[in-house]
Amino acid sequence: MTYKLESAEAQAVKAAVESRRFDRISIGLHWLTVLLILGQFTSAWVRKGPDHDSSLAVAILATHRTMGVLTWIVGLARLAWRQNFAYLPPFPPSMPKLQQSIVKANEYGLYALLFVQPVTGLGNVLFR
């Protein structure tokens, strides 16, 4: 009898296939992205309160910038994971091809926003 040991990654993808859901790493990266985006909005909103020269405002801005860089890195990790390892559940058979195309375009549009938005912030810092 030979036993085949599977990597944790392979086991996670196998479990996702059996449940017809996204794999755990994809889900984790998704929620990490959501938390970072919420942190971005919150820090941008809160920063308007204190005086711009105060140490609190500087700390909030540093946090905002750090989360922007992390958002960009997590976005790249998500895209790399999706392209190479992720299990993507199939579309329902009843979903029209046009709707499937719109879903895919929407998804990649959101990825584009994840990459472009931090770059615009960086441009604002550099050219201000």
N, C-alpha and C. Protein backbone atom coordinates (compact mmCIF):
# COMPACT_ATOMS: atom_id res chain seq x y z
N MET A 1 0.83 -1.17 0.00
CA MET A 1 0.00 0.00 0.00
C MET A 1 0.88 1.24 0.00
N THR A 2 0.61 2.14 -0.92
CA THR A 2 1.34 3.40 -0.92
C THR A 2 0.36 4.53 -0.63
N TYR A 3 0.83 5.43 0.18
CA TYR A 3 0.02 6.59 0.53
C TYR A 3 0.63 7.81 -0.13
N LYS A 4 -0.22 8.58 -0.70
CA LYS A 4 0.22 9.80 -1.37
C LYS A 4 -0.08 10.99 -0.47
N LEU A 5 0.95 11.66 -0.03
CA LEU A 5 0.76 12.84 0.80
C LEU A 5 0.54 14.05 -0.10
N GLU A 6 -0.51 14.77 0.19
CA GLU A 6 -0.82 15.96 -0.59
C GLU A 6 -0.40 17.20 0.18
N SER A 7 -0.01 18.21 -0.56
CA SER A 7 0.33 19.48 0.09
C SER A 7 -0.95 20.12 0.63
N ALA A 8 -0.77 21.03 1.55
CA ALA A 8 -1.92 21.75 2.12
C ALA A 8 -2.64 22.52 1.03
N GLU A 9 -1.86 23.06 0.08
CA GLU A 9 -2.44 23.80 -1.04
C GLU A 9 -3.33 22.89 -1.88
N ALA A 10 -2.85 21.70 -2.21
CA ALA A 10 -3.62 20.76 -3.02
C ALA A 10 -4.87 20.30 -2.28
N GLN A 11 -4.75 20.10 -0.97
CA GLN A 11 -5.92 19.69 -0.18
C GLN A 11 -6.97 20.79 -0.16
N ALA A 12 -6.52 22.05 -0.04
CA ALA A 12 -7.47 23.18 0.00
C ALA A 12 -8.20 23.30 -1.32
N VAL A 13 -7.48 23.16 -2.43
CA VAL A 13 -8.12 23.25 -3.74
C VAL A 13 -9.06 22.07 -3.96
N LYS A 14 -8.66 20.89 -3.52
CA LYS A 14 -9.52 19.70 -3.65
C LYS A 14 -10.82 19.88 -2.87
N ALA A 15 -10.72 20.42 -1.65
CA ALA A 15 -11.91 20.67 -0.84
C ALA A 15 -12.82 21.69 -1.52
N ALA A 16 -12.22 22.71 -2.14
CA ALA A 16 -13.01 23.73 -2.84
C ALA A 16 -13.74 23.12 -4.03
N VAL A 17 -13.07 22.26 -4.77
CA VAL A 17 -13.70 21.61 -5.92
C VAL A 17 -14.89 20.78 -5.47
N GLU A 18 -14.72 20.04 -4.39
CA GLU A 18 -15.80 19.19 -3.90
C GLU A 18 -16.99 20.01 -3.40
N SER A 19 -16.73 21.19 -2.83
CA SER A 19 -17.83 22.00 -2.30
C SER A 19 -18.37 22.98 -3.35
N ARG A 20 -17.69 23.07 -4.50
CA ARG A 20 -18.08 23.99 -5.58
C ARG A 20 -18.05 25.44 -5.11
N ARG A 21 -17.09 25.76 -4.24
CA ARG A 21 -16.88 27.13 -3.74
C ARG A 21 -15.45 27.54 -4.05
N PHE A 22 -15.18 28.81 -3.90
CA PHE A 22 -13.81 29.29 -4.06
C PHE A 22 -12.94 28.67 -2.97
N ASP A 23 -11.64 28.53 -3.26
CA ASP A 23 -10.73 27.96 -2.26
C ASP A 23 -10.50 28.95 -1.13
N ARG A 24 -9.99 28.45 -0.02
CA ARG A 24 -9.84 29.26 1.20
C ARG A 24 -8.86 30.42 1.02
N ILE A 25 -7.82 30.21 0.26
CA ILE A 25 -6.84 31.28 0.06
C ILE A 25 -7.47 32.42 -0.73
N SER A 26 -8.24 32.10 -1.76
CA SER A 26 -8.93 33.13 -2.53
C SER A 26 -9.89 33.92 -1.64
N ILE A 27 -10.61 33.21 -0.80
CA ILE A 27 -11.55 33.86 0.11
C ILE A 27 -10.80 34.75 1.11
N GLY A 28 -9.71 34.24 1.66
CA GLY A 28 -8.92 35.01 2.61
C GLY A 28 -8.34 36.28 1.98
N LEU A 29 -7.80 36.15 0.76
CA LEU A 29 -7.27 37.32 0.06
C LEU A 29 -8.38 38.33 -0.25
N HIS A 30 -9.56 37.82 -0.57
CA HIS A 30 -10.70 38.70 -0.82
C HIS A 30 -11.03 39.55 0.41
N TRP A 31 -11.15 38.90 1.55
CA TRP A 31 -11.54 39.63 2.77
C TRP A 31 -10.41 40.52 3.27
N LEU A 32 -9.17 40.14 3.04
CA LEU A 32 -8.05 41.02 3.38
C LEU A 32 -8.11 42.29 2.53
N THR A 33 -8.43 42.14 1.26
CA THR A 33 -8.59 43.29 0.37
C THR A 33 -9.72 44.18 0.86
N VAL A 34 -10.84 43.58 1.24
CA VAL A 34 -11.99 44.37 1.74
C VAL A 34 -11.57 45.17 2.97
N LEU A 35 -10.86 44.54 3.91
CA LEU A 35 -10.43 45.25 5.12
C LEU A 35 -9.47 46.39 4.79
N LEU A 36 -8.56 46.16 3.87
CA LEU A 36 -7.63 47.22 3.48
C LEU A 36 -8.35 48.39 2.82
N ILE A 37 -9.32 48.10 1.96
CA ILE A 37 -10.07 49.17 1.29
C ILE A 37 -10.88 49.95 2.33
N LEU A 38 -11.51 49.25 3.26
CA LEU A 38 -12.24 49.94 4.33
C LEU A 38 -11.30 50.82 5.16
N GLY A 39 -10.11 50.31 5.43
CA GLY A 39 -9.12 51.09 6.16
C GLY A 39 -8.69 52.32 5.37
N GLN A 40 -8.58 52.17 4.07
CA GLN A 40 -8.23 53.30 3.21
C GLN A 40 -9.29 54.40 3.28
N PHE A 41 -10.55 54.01 3.13
CA PHE A 41 -11.64 54.98 3.20
C PHE A 41 -11.69 55.64 4.58
N THR A 42 -11.54 54.83 5.60
CA THR A 42 -11.62 55.36 6.96
C THR A 42 -10.49 56.34 7.23
N SER A 43 -9.28 55.98 6.87
CA SER A 43 -8.15 56.87 7.14
C SER A 43 -8.24 58.15 6.31
N ALA A 44 -8.74 58.06 5.09
CA ALA A 44 -8.91 59.28 4.28
C ALA A 44 -9.97 60.18 4.90
N TRP A 45 -11.02 59.59 5.41
CA TRP A 45 -12.11 60.36 6.01
C TRP A 45 -11.69 60.98 7.35
N VAL A 46 -11.00 60.19 8.18
CA VAL A 46 -10.59 60.65 9.51
C VAL A 46 -9.50 61.73 9.41
N ARG A 47 -8.68 61.66 8.39
CA ARG A 47 -7.56 62.59 8.25
C ARG A 47 -8.04 64.03 8.07
N LYS A 48 -9.24 64.22 7.58
CA LYS A 48 -9.77 65.57 7.37
C LYS A 48 -10.07 66.28 8.69
N GLY A 49 -10.19 65.53 9.78
CA GLY A 49 -10.53 66.12 11.08
C GLY A 49 -9.41 66.91 11.73
N PRO A 50 -8.27 66.26 12.03
CA PRO A 50 -7.22 66.99 12.76
C PRO A 50 -6.48 67.98 11.85
N ASP A 51 -5.77 68.90 12.50
CA ASP A 51 -4.93 69.86 11.78
C ASP A 51 -3.91 69.08 10.95
N HIS A 52 -3.68 69.52 9.70
CA HIS A 52 -2.80 68.77 8.79
C HIS A 52 -1.35 68.68 9.25
N ASP A 53 -0.95 69.55 10.13
CA ASP A 53 0.43 69.54 10.61
C ASP A 53 0.60 68.79 11.93
N SER A 54 -0.48 68.30 12.51
CA SER A 54 -0.39 67.62 13.80
C SER A 54 0.22 66.23 13.63
N SER A 55 0.74 65.71 14.74
CA SER A 55 1.34 64.37 14.69
C SER A 55 0.28 63.31 14.41
N LEU A 56 -0.95 63.54 14.85
CA LEU A 56 -2.03 62.59 14.56
C LEU A 56 -2.31 62.53 13.06
N ALA A 57 -2.35 63.68 12.41
CA ALA A 57 -2.60 63.71 10.97
C ALA A 57 -1.48 63.03 10.20
N VAL A 58 -0.25 63.23 10.65
CA VAL A 58 0.90 62.59 10.01
C VAL A 58 0.82 61.07 10.17
N ALA A 59 0.44 60.61 11.36
CA ALA A 59 0.31 59.16 11.60
C ALA A 59 -0.82 58.56 10.76
N ILE A 60 -1.92 59.28 10.65
CA ILE A 60 -3.04 58.78 9.83
C ILE A 60 -2.62 58.69 8.36
N LEU A 61 -1.90 59.72 7.88
CA LEU A 61 -1.43 59.71 6.50
C LEU A 61 -0.45 58.57 6.26
N ALA A 62 0.44 58.33 7.20
CA ALA A 62 1.38 57.21 7.07
C ALA A 62 0.64 55.88 7.03
N THR A 63 -0.38 55.74 7.86
CA THR A 63 -1.20 54.52 7.86
C THR A 63 -1.91 54.36 6.53
N HIS A 64 -2.46 55.46 6.02
CA HIS A 64 -3.17 55.44 4.74
C HIS A 64 -2.23 55.00 3.61
N ARG A 65 -1.05 55.56 3.59
CA ARG A 65 -0.08 55.20 2.54
C ARG A 65 0.37 53.75 2.65
N THR A 66 0.60 53.30 3.88
CA THR A 66 1.00 51.91 4.09
C THR A 66 -0.09 50.95 3.62
N MET A 67 -1.33 51.27 3.95
CA MET A 67 -2.44 50.41 3.49
C MET A 67 -2.57 50.45 1.97
N GLY A 68 -2.24 51.58 1.35
CA GLY A 68 -2.27 51.67 -0.10
C GLY A 68 -1.26 50.72 -0.73
N VAL A 69 -0.05 50.71 -0.18
CA VAL A 69 0.98 49.80 -0.68
C VAL A 69 0.56 48.34 -0.44
N LEU A 70 0.03 48.06 0.74
CA LEU A 70 -0.43 46.70 1.04
C LEU A 70 -1.57 46.28 0.12
N THR A 71 -2.46 47.21 -0.19
CA THR A 71 -3.56 46.91 -1.11
C THR A 71 -3.01 46.50 -2.46
N TRP A 72 -2.01 47.22 -2.93
CA TRP A 72 -1.40 46.92 -4.22
C TRP A 72 -0.73 45.54 -4.19
N ILE A 73 -0.01 45.25 -3.11
CA ILE A 73 0.67 43.95 -2.99
C ILE A 73 -0.34 42.82 -2.89
N VAL A 74 -1.38 42.98 -2.08
CA VAL A 74 -2.40 41.95 -1.95
C VAL A 74 -3.14 41.76 -3.29
N GLY A 75 -3.37 42.85 -4.01
CA GLY A 75 -4.00 42.75 -5.33
C GLY A 75 -3.15 41.92 -6.28
N LEU A 76 -1.84 42.16 -6.27
CA LEU A 76 -0.94 41.35 -7.10
C LEU A 76 -0.95 39.89 -6.67
N ALA A 77 -0.96 39.65 -5.36
CA ALA A 77 -1.00 38.28 -4.85
C ALA A 77 -2.30 37.59 -5.28
N ARG A 78 -3.40 38.33 -5.18
CA ARG A 78 -4.70 37.77 -5.60
C ARG A 78 -4.67 37.37 -7.06
N LEU A 79 -4.17 38.27 -7.89
CA LEU A 79 -4.14 38.00 -9.33
C LEU A 79 -3.22 36.82 -9.64
N ALA A 80 -2.06 36.78 -9.00
CA ALA A 80 -1.14 35.66 -9.22
C ALA A 80 -1.76 34.35 -8.75
N TRP A 81 -2.39 34.36 -7.59
CA TRP A 81 -3.04 33.15 -7.08
C TRP A 81 -4.15 32.71 -8.03
N ARG A 82 -4.96 33.67 -8.47
CA ARG A 82 -6.09 33.36 -9.35
C ARG A 82 -5.60 32.73 -10.66
N GLN A 83 -4.55 33.29 -11.22
CA GLN A 83 -4.07 32.81 -12.51
C GLN A 83 -3.38 31.45 -12.43
N ASN A 84 -2.80 31.14 -11.28
CA ASN A 84 -1.97 29.93 -11.19
C ASN A 84 -2.53 28.79 -10.34
N PHE A 85 -3.28 29.10 -9.28
CA PHE A 85 -3.63 28.05 -8.34
C PHE A 85 -5.10 27.97 -7.95
N ALA A 86 -5.82 29.05 -8.07
CA ALA A 86 -7.17 29.13 -7.50
C ALA A 86 -8.15 28.19 -8.20
N TYR A 87 -9.10 27.75 -7.40
CA TYR A 87 -10.23 27.01 -7.96
C TYR A 87 -11.36 28.01 -8.15
N LEU A 88 -11.81 28.13 -9.39
CA LEU A 88 -12.93 29.02 -9.70
C LEU A 88 -14.14 28.15 -10.00
N PRO A 89 -15.17 28.26 -9.19
CA PRO A 89 -16.35 27.44 -9.46
C PRO A 89 -16.94 27.80 -10.82
N PRO A 90 -17.46 26.83 -11.52
CA PRO A 90 -18.02 27.13 -12.84
C PRO A 90 -19.29 27.98 -12.72
N PHE A 91 -19.56 28.72 -13.79
CA PHE A 91 -20.81 29.46 -13.85
C PHE A 91 -21.96 28.48 -13.94
N PRO A 92 -23.13 28.86 -13.45
CA PRO A 92 -24.29 27.97 -13.59
C PRO A 92 -24.58 27.73 -15.08
N PRO A 93 -24.99 26.54 -15.44
CA PRO A 93 -25.25 26.24 -16.85
C PRO A 93 -26.32 27.15 -17.47
N SER A 94 -27.22 27.65 -16.64
CA SER A 94 -28.30 28.49 -17.16
C SER A 94 -27.88 29.94 -17.40
N MET A 95 -26.66 30.32 -16.98
CA MET A 95 -26.22 31.70 -17.13
C MET A 95 -25.83 31.97 -18.59
N PRO A 96 -26.43 32.99 -19.20
CA PRO A 96 -26.09 33.30 -20.60
C PRO A 96 -24.63 33.71 -20.77
N LYS A 97 -24.07 33.44 -21.94
CA LYS A 97 -22.67 33.76 -22.22
C LYS A 97 -22.40 35.25 -22.10
N LEU A 98 -23.35 36.09 -22.50
CA LEU A 98 -23.18 37.53 -22.37
C LEU A 98 -23.01 37.93 -20.92
N GLN A 99 -23.83 37.36 -20.06
CA GLN A 99 -23.74 37.67 -18.63
C GLN A 99 -22.41 37.17 -18.07
N GLN A 100 -21.94 36.02 -18.51
CA GLN A 100 -20.63 35.52 -18.06
C GLN A 100 -19.51 36.47 -18.48
N SER A 101 -19.61 37.00 -19.69
CA SER A 101 -18.61 37.95 -20.18
C SER A 101 -18.64 39.24 -19.36
N ILE A 102 -19.84 39.70 -19.01
CA ILE A 102 -19.97 40.91 -18.19
C ILE A 102 -19.38 40.68 -16.81
N VAL A 103 -19.62 39.52 -16.24
CA VAL A 103 -19.06 39.19 -14.91
C VAL A 103 -17.54 39.21 -14.96
N LYS A 104 -16.96 38.60 -15.98
CA LYS A 104 -15.50 38.58 -16.10
C LYS A 104 -14.94 39.98 -16.31
N ALA A 105 -15.58 40.78 -17.15
CA ALA A 105 -15.13 42.16 -17.39
C ALA A 105 -15.21 42.97 -16.10
N ASN A 106 -16.28 42.78 -15.34
CA ASN A 106 -16.45 43.48 -14.07
C ASN A 106 -15.32 43.10 -13.10
N GLU A 107 -15.03 41.82 -13.03
CA GLU A 107 -13.99 41.35 -12.12
C GLU A 107 -12.63 41.95 -12.47
N TYR A 108 -12.26 41.91 -13.74
CA TYR A 108 -10.97 42.45 -14.14
C TYR A 108 -10.95 43.98 -14.05
N GLY A 109 -12.11 44.61 -14.20
CA GLY A 109 -12.20 46.06 -13.96
C GLY A 109 -11.90 46.40 -12.52
N LEU A 110 -12.39 45.58 -11.59
CA LEU A 110 -12.10 45.79 -10.17
C LEU A 110 -10.61 45.57 -9.88
N TYR A 111 -10.01 44.58 -10.53
CA TYR A 111 -8.56 44.39 -10.37
C TYR A 111 -7.82 45.63 -10.87
N ALA A 112 -8.26 46.17 -12.01
CA ALA A 112 -7.61 47.37 -12.55
C ALA A 112 -7.71 48.52 -11.54
N LEU A 113 -8.86 48.68 -10.91
CA LEU A 113 -9.01 49.74 -9.91
C LEU A 113 -8.09 49.50 -8.71
N LEU A 114 -7.93 48.24 -8.31
CA LEU A 114 -7.04 47.93 -7.19
C LEU A 114 -5.60 48.33 -7.50
N PHE A 115 -5.21 48.27 -8.77
CA PHE A 115 -3.84 48.61 -9.14
C PHE A 115 -3.68 50.09 -9.47
N VAL A 116 -4.69 50.69 -10.07
CA VAL A 116 -4.58 52.09 -10.50
C VAL A 116 -4.72 53.04 -9.33
N GLN A 117 -5.62 52.77 -8.41
CA GLN A 117 -5.88 53.71 -7.31
C GLN A 117 -4.64 54.00 -6.47
N PRO A 118 -3.88 52.99 -6.02
CA PRO A 118 -2.66 53.32 -5.26
C PRO A 118 -1.64 54.09 -6.10
N VAL A 119 -1.60 53.84 -7.40
CA VAL A 119 -0.67 54.56 -8.27
C VAL A 119 -1.07 56.04 -8.35
N THR A 120 -2.37 56.32 -8.37
CA THR A 120 -2.81 57.72 -8.39
C THR A 120 -2.44 58.41 -7.09
N GLY A 121 -2.54 57.69 -5.98
CA GLY A 121 -2.11 58.26 -4.70
C GLY A 121 -0.62 58.56 -4.70
N LEU A 122 0.16 57.64 -5.23
CA LEU A 122 1.61 57.84 -5.33
C LEU A 122 1.90 59.04 -6.23
N GLY A 123 1.18 59.15 -7.34
CA GLY A 123 1.36 60.30 -8.22
C GLY A 123 1.02 61.60 -7.52
N ASN A 124 0.00 61.59 -6.71
CA ASN A 124 -0.39 62.77 -5.94
C ASN A 124 0.74 63.18 -5.00
N VAL A 125 1.38 62.21 -4.36
CA VAL A 125 2.49 62.51 -3.44
C VAL A 125 3.69 63.06 -4.21
N LEU A 126 4.02 62.44 -5.34
CA LEU A 126 5.21 62.83 -6.07
C LEU A 126 5.07 64.18 -6.78
N PHE A 127 3.88 64.48 -7.31
CA PHE A 127 3.72 65.68 -8.11
C PHE A 127 3.01 66.82 -7.39
N ARG A 128 2.82 66.69 -6.11
CA ARG A 128 2.13 67.72 -5.33
C ARG A 128 3.03 68.90 -5.09
